[in-house]
Amino acid sequence: MALIARRLAALTVSGARDVKQGAVRAIVHQAVHDICVAPELPTDPAAADGRRGVGQLAGDVLAIGELMLEAAPGSLSEDQAASRLALLCEEIGEPFDRGLAARRFALTGPATPRGEPSCDPDWAHRARK
């Protein structure tokens, strides 16, 4: 939001008195694009190893989450899914709270480090690699 606010403020400071809807739409569209474009990642080998580890962990959690969704589909609330998942978690040795979290992850996908939704529509396929 701060990025959009700064760009709108810059537009009005530049002398624009009557900001048109199309201009606001273009500013918001460009801001979303700028946020979604992945920044250049450092080439440090330790950082690359860390990114691979996080990717592997995301893939593992996704696999557990998909298993949880087979037992308790996304159409069920967490309260409705709890009894089914408690039995499954006990059977496979997964802590119940982690099973619920994995189910949520499989439903919603990952978040960026800032807590914003991922802009990558193909995240699940890469998380499994």
Protein backbone atom coordinates (compact mmCIF):
# COMPACT_ATOMS: atom_id res chain seq x y z
CA MET A 1 0.00 0.00 0.00
CA ALA A 2 2.84 2.39 0.79
CA LEU A 3 4.23 1.94 -2.72
CA ILE A 4 0.90 2.87 -4.29
CA ALA A 5 0.43 5.81 -1.92
CA ARG A 6 3.90 7.16 -2.79
CA ARG A 7 3.22 6.88 -6.51
CA LEU A 8 -0.16 8.57 -6.22
CA ALA A 9 1.39 11.34 -4.11
CA ALA A 10 4.11 11.82 -6.74
CA LEU A 11 1.42 12.13 -9.41
CA THR A 12 -0.42 14.86 -7.52
CA VAL A 13 2.82 16.69 -6.64
CA SER A 14 3.72 16.74 -10.33
CA GLY A 15 0.81 19.09 -10.89
CA ALA A 16 -1.99 16.76 -11.84
CA ARG A 17 -5.16 18.22 -10.30
CA ASP A 18 -7.80 15.87 -11.61
CA VAL A 19 -6.40 12.34 -11.45
CA LYS A 20 -8.29 10.12 -13.87
CA GLN A 21 -9.44 6.60 -13.02
CA GLY A 22 -7.24 5.19 -15.78
CA ALA A 23 -4.15 6.81 -14.26
CA VAL A 24 -4.91 5.32 -10.85
CA ARG A 25 -5.51 1.91 -12.44
CA ALA A 26 -2.17 2.15 -14.29
CA ILE A 27 -0.32 3.11 -11.08
CA VAL A 28 -1.85 0.21 -9.14
CA HIS A 29 -1.17 -2.23 -12.00
CA GLN A 30 2.48 -1.14 -12.24
CA ALA A 31 2.94 -1.35 -8.46
CA VAL A 32 1.55 -4.90 -8.36
CA HIS A 33 3.83 -5.83 -11.25
CA ASP A 34 6.87 -4.32 -9.52
CA ILE A 35 6.12 -6.22 -6.31
CA CYS A 36 5.61 -9.51 -8.14
CA VAL A 37 8.81 -9.34 -10.18
CA ALA A 38 11.40 -11.39 -8.32
CA PRO A 39 14.42 -9.38 -7.23
CA GLU A 40 17.89 -10.50 -8.21
CA LEU A 41 18.98 -13.17 -5.76
CA PRO A 42 22.48 -13.18 -4.31
CA THR A 43 24.90 -15.70 -5.77
CA ASP A 44 26.34 -16.61 -2.37
CA PRO A 45 26.48 -20.44 -2.18
CA ALA A 46 25.22 -20.47 1.42
CA ALA A 47 22.21 -18.35 0.43
CA ALA A 48 21.52 -20.65 -2.53
CA ASP A 49 21.67 -23.68 -0.21
CA GLY A 50 19.24 -21.95 2.15
CA ARG A 51 16.82 -21.19 -0.68
CA ARG A 52 16.97 -24.82 -1.82
CA GLY A 53 16.31 -25.99 1.74
CA VAL A 54 13.32 -23.69 2.07
CA GLY A 55 12.01 -24.87 -1.30
CA GLN A 56 12.37 -28.51 -0.22
CA LEU A 57 10.60 -27.81 3.06
CA ALA A 58 7.77 -26.06 1.22
CA GLY A 59 7.43 -29.08 -1.07
CA ASP A 60 7.35 -31.47 1.89
CA VAL A 61 4.74 -29.41 3.74
CA LEU A 62 2.70 -29.16 0.55
CA ALA A 63 2.75 -32.97 0.16
CA ILE A 64 1.54 -33.40 3.76
CA GLY A 65 -1.08 -30.71 3.20
CA GLU A 66 -2.39 -32.46 0.10
CA LEU A 67 -2.66 -35.68 2.11
CA MET A 68 -4.63 -33.76 4.76
CA LEU A 69 -6.91 -32.38 2.03
CA GLU A 70 -7.64 -35.93 0.84
CA ALA A 71 -8.88 -36.79 4.33
CA ALA A 72 -10.60 -33.45 4.95
CA PRO A 73 -11.40 -31.52 1.74
CA GLY A 74 -11.09 -27.74 1.63
CA SER A 75 -14.87 -27.40 1.65
CA LEU A 76 -14.85 -28.43 5.32
CA SER A 77 -14.16 -25.87 8.02
CA GLU A 78 -11.23 -26.49 10.36
CA ASP A 79 -13.69 -27.50 13.08
CA GLN A 80 -15.34 -30.02 10.77
CA ALA A 81 -11.98 -31.31 9.54
CA ALA A 82 -10.43 -31.59 13.02
CA SER A 83 -11.78 -35.04 13.92
CA ARG A 84 -10.71 -36.56 10.60
CA LEU A 85 -7.30 -34.93 10.75
CA ALA A 86 -6.70 -35.90 14.37
CA LEU A 87 -7.01 -39.57 13.42
CA LEU A 88 -4.81 -39.19 10.34
CA CYS A 89 -2.14 -37.21 12.21
CA GLU A 90 -2.04 -39.81 14.96
CA GLU A 91 -1.71 -42.59 12.40
CA ILE A 92 1.19 -41.00 10.50
CA GLY A 93 2.92 -39.50 13.56
CA GLU A 94 2.43 -35.87 12.54
CA PRO A 95 1.60 -33.35 15.29
CA PHE A 96 -2.03 -32.26 14.91
CA ASP A 97 -1.26 -28.54 14.76
CA ARG A 98 1.28 -29.11 11.99
CA GLY A 99 -1.26 -31.19 10.08
CA LEU A 100 -3.77 -28.34 10.25
CA ALA A 101 -1.10 -25.85 9.19
CA ALA A 102 -0.05 -28.04 6.26
CA ARG A 103 -3.69 -28.30 5.16
CA ARG A 104 -3.97 -24.48 5.27
CA PHE A 105 -0.71 -24.20 3.29
CA ALA A 106 -2.03 -26.57 0.62
CA LEU A 107 -5.22 -24.51 0.40
CA THR A 108 -3.65 -21.06 0.26
CA GLY A 109 -0.11 -21.43 -1.01
CA PRO A 110 3.03 -19.76 0.27
CA ALA A 111 3.44 -16.16 1.29
CA THR A 112 6.31 -13.87 0.45
CA PRO A 113 8.73 -12.89 3.22
CA ARG A 114 6.65 -9.74 3.78
CA GLY A 115 3.57 -11.85 4.42
CA GLU A 116 1.91 -10.88 1.14
CA PRO A 117 0.31 -13.52 -1.06
CA SER A 118 2.62 -15.06 -3.62
CA CYS A 119 2.41 -13.48 -7.06
CA ASP A 120 3.55 -16.70 -8.68
CA PRO A 121 0.58 -18.69 -10.02
CA ASP A 122 2.80 -21.74 -10.59
CA TRP A 123 4.26 -21.94 -7.07
CA ALA A 124 3.00 -25.43 -6.27
CA HIS A 125 4.79 -27.05 -9.19
CA ARG A 126 8.13 -25.45 -8.29
CA ALA A 127 7.71 -26.20 -4.56
CA ARG A 128 7.58 -29.93 -5.35
CA LYS A 129 10.87 -29.90 -7.32
